[in-house]
């Protein structure tokens, strides 16, 4: 199995590398692209497609959901969108809590 390190974040993955890293076949990758779960950065045909390394996370999640829940691709795309939105909201909550903590007064002993 192909290993990708964090230091390679700016690197692109070929469709072959993405399939190998996420343990999917090219037919599944085509489905993922067709449903905008994975979006090629470059290339007109599957053999030329290049993907951001960050797309590996989405592809692995989608493959796991497909395998475990047996959902259709539209449902998987919706789940991934909702998971992304949840993550953004959690990040926003964290930031707001940090901002709020600056305004809280320390408790006084009575």
C-alpha atoms as a PDB file:
ATOM      1  CA  UNK A   1       0.000   0.000   0.000  1.00  0.00           C
ATOM      2  CA  UNK A   2       1.265   3.465  -0.920  1.00  0.00           C
ATOM      3  CA  UNK A   3       2.112   5.668   2.061  1.00  0.00           C
ATOM      4  CA  UNK A   4       1.564   9.444   2.003  1.00  0.00           C
ATOM      5  CA  UNK A   5       3.262  11.608   4.605  1.00  0.00           C
ATOM      6  CA  UNK A   6       2.046  14.926   5.989  1.00  0.00           C
ATOM      7  CA  UNK A   7       4.995  16.743   4.445  1.00  0.00           C
ATOM      8  CA  UNK A   8       3.596  15.905   1.004  1.00  0.00           C
ATOM      9  CA  UNK A   9       0.462  18.057   1.419  1.00  0.00           C
ATOM     10  CA  UNK A  10       1.149  20.129  -1.696  1.00  0.00           C
ATOM     11  CA  UNK A  11       1.656  17.030  -3.812  1.00  0.00           C
ATOM     12  CA  UNK A  12      -1.008  15.765  -6.180  1.00  0.00           C
ATOM     13  CA  UNK A  13      -2.109  12.162  -6.386  1.00  0.00           C
ATOM     14  CA  UNK A  14      -2.769  10.378  -9.634  1.00  0.00           C
ATOM     15  CA  UNK A  15      -5.975   8.391  -9.920  1.00  0.00           C
ATOM     16  CA  UNK A  16      -3.889   5.222  -9.574  1.00  0.00           C
ATOM     17  CA  UNK A  17      -2.237   6.489  -6.373  1.00  0.00           C
ATOM     18  CA  UNK A  18      -5.560   7.637  -4.930  1.00  0.00           C
ATOM     19  CA  UNK A  19      -7.123   4.246  -5.637  1.00  0.00           C
ATOM     20  CA  UNK A  20      -4.174   2.430  -4.072  1.00  0.00           C
ATOM     21  CA  UNK A  21      -4.116   4.613  -0.946  1.00  0.00           C
ATOM     22  CA  UNK A  22      -7.848   4.373  -0.365  1.00  0.00           C
ATOM     23  CA  UNK A  23      -8.121   0.733  -1.449  1.00  0.00           C
ATOM     24  CA  UNK A  24     -10.770   1.327  -4.120  1.00  0.00           C
ATOM     25  CA  UNK A  25     -10.929   0.448  -7.791  1.00  0.00           C
ATOM     26  CA  UNK A  26     -11.093   2.865 -10.705  1.00  0.00           C
ATOM     27  CA  UNK A  27     -14.841   2.213 -11.197  1.00  0.00           C
ATOM     28  CA  UNK A  28     -15.527   3.427  -7.659  1.00  0.00           C
ATOM     29  CA  UNK A  29     -13.275   6.445  -8.198  1.00  0.00           C
ATOM     30  CA  UNK A  30     -15.249   7.298 -11.327  1.00  0.00           C
ATOM     31  CA  UNK A  31     -18.474   7.162  -9.254  1.00  0.00           C
ATOM     32  CA  UNK A  32     -16.922   9.406  -6.600  1.00  0.00           C
ATOM     33  CA  UNK A  33     -15.975  11.984  -9.233  1.00  0.00           C
ATOM     34  CA  UNK A  34     -19.378  11.727 -10.890  1.00  0.00           C
ATOM     35  CA  UNK A  35     -21.023  12.631  -7.547  1.00  0.00           C
ATOM     36  CA  UNK A  36     -18.474  15.369  -6.719  1.00  0.00           C
ATOM     37  CA  UNK A  37     -17.147  13.482  -3.702  1.00  0.00           C
ATOM     38  CA  UNK A  38     -13.680  13.545  -5.252  1.00  0.00           C
ATOM     39  CA  UNK A  39     -12.853  16.366  -7.641  1.00  0.00           C
ATOM     40  CA  UNK A  40      -9.878  16.090  -9.974  1.00  0.00           C
ATOM     41  CA  UNK A  41      -7.666  19.158 -10.003  1.00  0.00           C
ATOM     42  CA  UNK A  42      -6.321  18.305 -13.402  1.00  0.00           C
ATOM     43  CA  UNK A  43      -6.891  15.913 -16.296  1.00  0.00           C
ATOM     44  CA  UNK A  44      -9.640  15.148 -18.777  1.00  0.00           C
ATOM     45  CA  UNK A  45      -9.826  11.348 -18.472  1.00  0.00           C
ATOM     46  CA  UNK A  46      -9.401   9.050 -15.492  1.00  0.00           C
ATOM     47  CA  UNK A  47      -5.858   8.071 -16.491  1.00  0.00           C
ATOM     48  CA  UNK A  48      -4.829  11.763 -16.389  1.00  0.00           C
ATOM     49  CA  UNK A  49      -6.751  12.839 -13.286  1.00  0.00           C
ATOM     50  CA  UNK A  50      -4.746  14.444 -10.502  1.00  0.00           C
ATOM     51  CA  UNK A  51      -6.189  14.946  -7.008  1.00  0.00           C
ATOM     52  CA  UNK A  52      -5.220  16.979  -3.988  1.00  0.00           C
ATOM     53  CA  UNK A  53      -3.761  14.857  -1.197  1.00  0.00           C
ATOM     54  CA  UNK A  54      -6.556  16.189   1.029  1.00  0.00           C
ATOM     55  CA  UNK A  55      -9.137  14.426  -1.169  1.00  0.00           C
ATOM     56  CA  UNK A  56      -7.783  11.147   0.181  1.00  0.00           C
ATOM     57  CA  UNK A  57      -9.699  11.692   3.445  1.00  0.00           C
ATOM     58  CA  UNK A  58     -13.029  12.165   1.653  1.00  0.00           C
ATOM     59  CA  UNK A  59     -12.447   9.187  -0.598  1.00  0.00           C
ATOM     60  CA  UNK A  60     -11.603   6.932   2.346  1.00  0.00           C
ATOM     61  CA  UNK A  61     -14.695   8.109   4.265  1.00  0.00           C
ATOM     62  CA  UNK A  62     -16.922   7.575   1.228  1.00  0.00           C
ATOM     63  CA  UNK A  63     -15.559   4.085   0.617  1.00  0.00           C
ATOM     64  CA  UNK A  64     -16.060   3.174   4.274  1.00  0.00           C
ATOM     65  CA  UNK A  65     -19.647   4.493   4.287  1.00  0.00           C
ATOM     66  CA  UNK A  66     -20.411   2.606   1.057  1.00  0.00           C
ATOM     67  CA  UNK A  67     -18.972  -0.606   2.484  1.00  0.00           C
ATOM     68  CA  UNK A  68     -20.516  -0.338   5.959  1.00  0.00           C
ATOM     69  CA  UNK A  69     -23.922   1.238   5.266  1.00  0.00           C
ATOM     70  CA  UNK A  70     -24.539   0.184   1.653  1.00  0.00           C
ATOM     71  CA  UNK A  71     -25.890   3.619   0.728  1.00  0.00           C
ATOM     72  CA  UNK A  72     -26.134   5.081  -2.759  1.00  0.00           C
ATOM     73  CA  UNK A  73     -23.643   7.739  -3.842  1.00  0.00           C
ATOM     74  CA  UNK A  74     -26.097  10.609  -3.451  1.00  0.00           C
ATOM     75  CA  UNK A  75     -26.663   9.602   0.182  1.00  0.00           C
ATOM     76  CA  UNK A  76     -22.940   9.308   0.771  1.00  0.00           C
ATOM     77  CA  UNK A  77     -22.338  12.770  -0.693  1.00  0.00           C
ATOM     78  CA  UNK A  78     -25.010  14.164   1.623  1.00  0.00           C
ATOM     79  CA  UNK A  79     -23.460  12.455   4.661  1.00  0.00           C
ATOM     80  CA  UNK A  80     -20.022  13.827   3.791  1.00  0.00           C
ATOM     81  CA  UNK A  81     -21.449  17.344   3.386  1.00  0.00           C
ATOM     82  CA  UNK A  82     -23.164  17.069   6.773  1.00  0.00           C
ATOM     83  CA  UNK A  83     -19.976  15.777   8.417  1.00  0.00           C
ATOM     84  CA  UNK A  84     -18.012  18.705   6.946  1.00  0.00           C
ATOM     85  CA  UNK A  85     -20.640  21.149   8.170  1.00  0.00           C
ATOM     86  CA  UNK A  86     -20.570  19.598  11.638  1.00  0.00           C
ATOM     87  CA  UNK A  87     -16.791  19.915  11.746  1.00  0.00           C
ATOM     88  CA  UNK A  88     -17.000  23.597  10.732  1.00  0.00           C
ATOM     89  CA  UNK A  89     -19.618  24.253  13.422  1.00  0.00           C
ATOM     90  CA  UNK A  90     -17.501  22.536  16.075  1.00  0.00           C
ATOM     91  CA  UNK A  91     -14.547  24.685  15.054  1.00  0.00           C
ATOM     92  CA  UNK A  92     -16.704  27.816  15.252  1.00  0.00           C
ATOM     93  CA  UNK A  93     -18.011  26.810  18.697  1.00  0.00           C
ATOM     94  CA  UNK A  94     -14.452  26.287  19.888  1.00  0.00           C
ATOM     95  CA  UNK A  95     -13.436  29.736  18.628  1.00  0.00           C
ATOM     96  CA  UNK A  96     -16.461  31.389  20.213  1.00  0.00           C
ATOM     97  CA  UNK A  97     -15.761  29.685  23.552  1.00  0.00           C
ATOM     98  CA  UNK A  98     -12.208  31.002  23.437  1.00  0.00           C
ATOM     99  CA  UNK A  99     -13.462  34.518  22.750  1.00  0.00           C
ATOM    100  CA  UNK A 100     -16.032  34.251  25.523  1.00  0.00           C
ATOM    101  CA  UNK A 101     -13.457  33.065  28.047  1.00  0.00           C
ATOM    102  CA  UNK A 102     -11.641  36.386  27.686  1.00  0.00           C
ATOM    103  CA  UNK A 103     -14.712  38.208  29.006  1.00  0.00           C
ATOM    104  CA  UNK A 104     -15.446  35.994  31.984  1.00  0.00           C
ATOM    105  CA  UNK A 105     -14.476  37.393  35.359  1.00  0.00           C
ATOM    106  CA  UNK A 106     -12.657  35.132  37.760  1.00  0.00           C
ATOM    107  CA  UNK A 107     -14.811  33.757  40.576  1.00  0.00           C
ATOM    108  CA  UNK A 108     -14.356  35.494  43.901  1.00  0.00           C
ATOM    109  CA  UNK A 109     -14.136  33.671  47.195  1.00  0.00           C
ATOM    110  CA  UNK A 110     -16.857  34.590  49.689  1.00  0.00           C
END
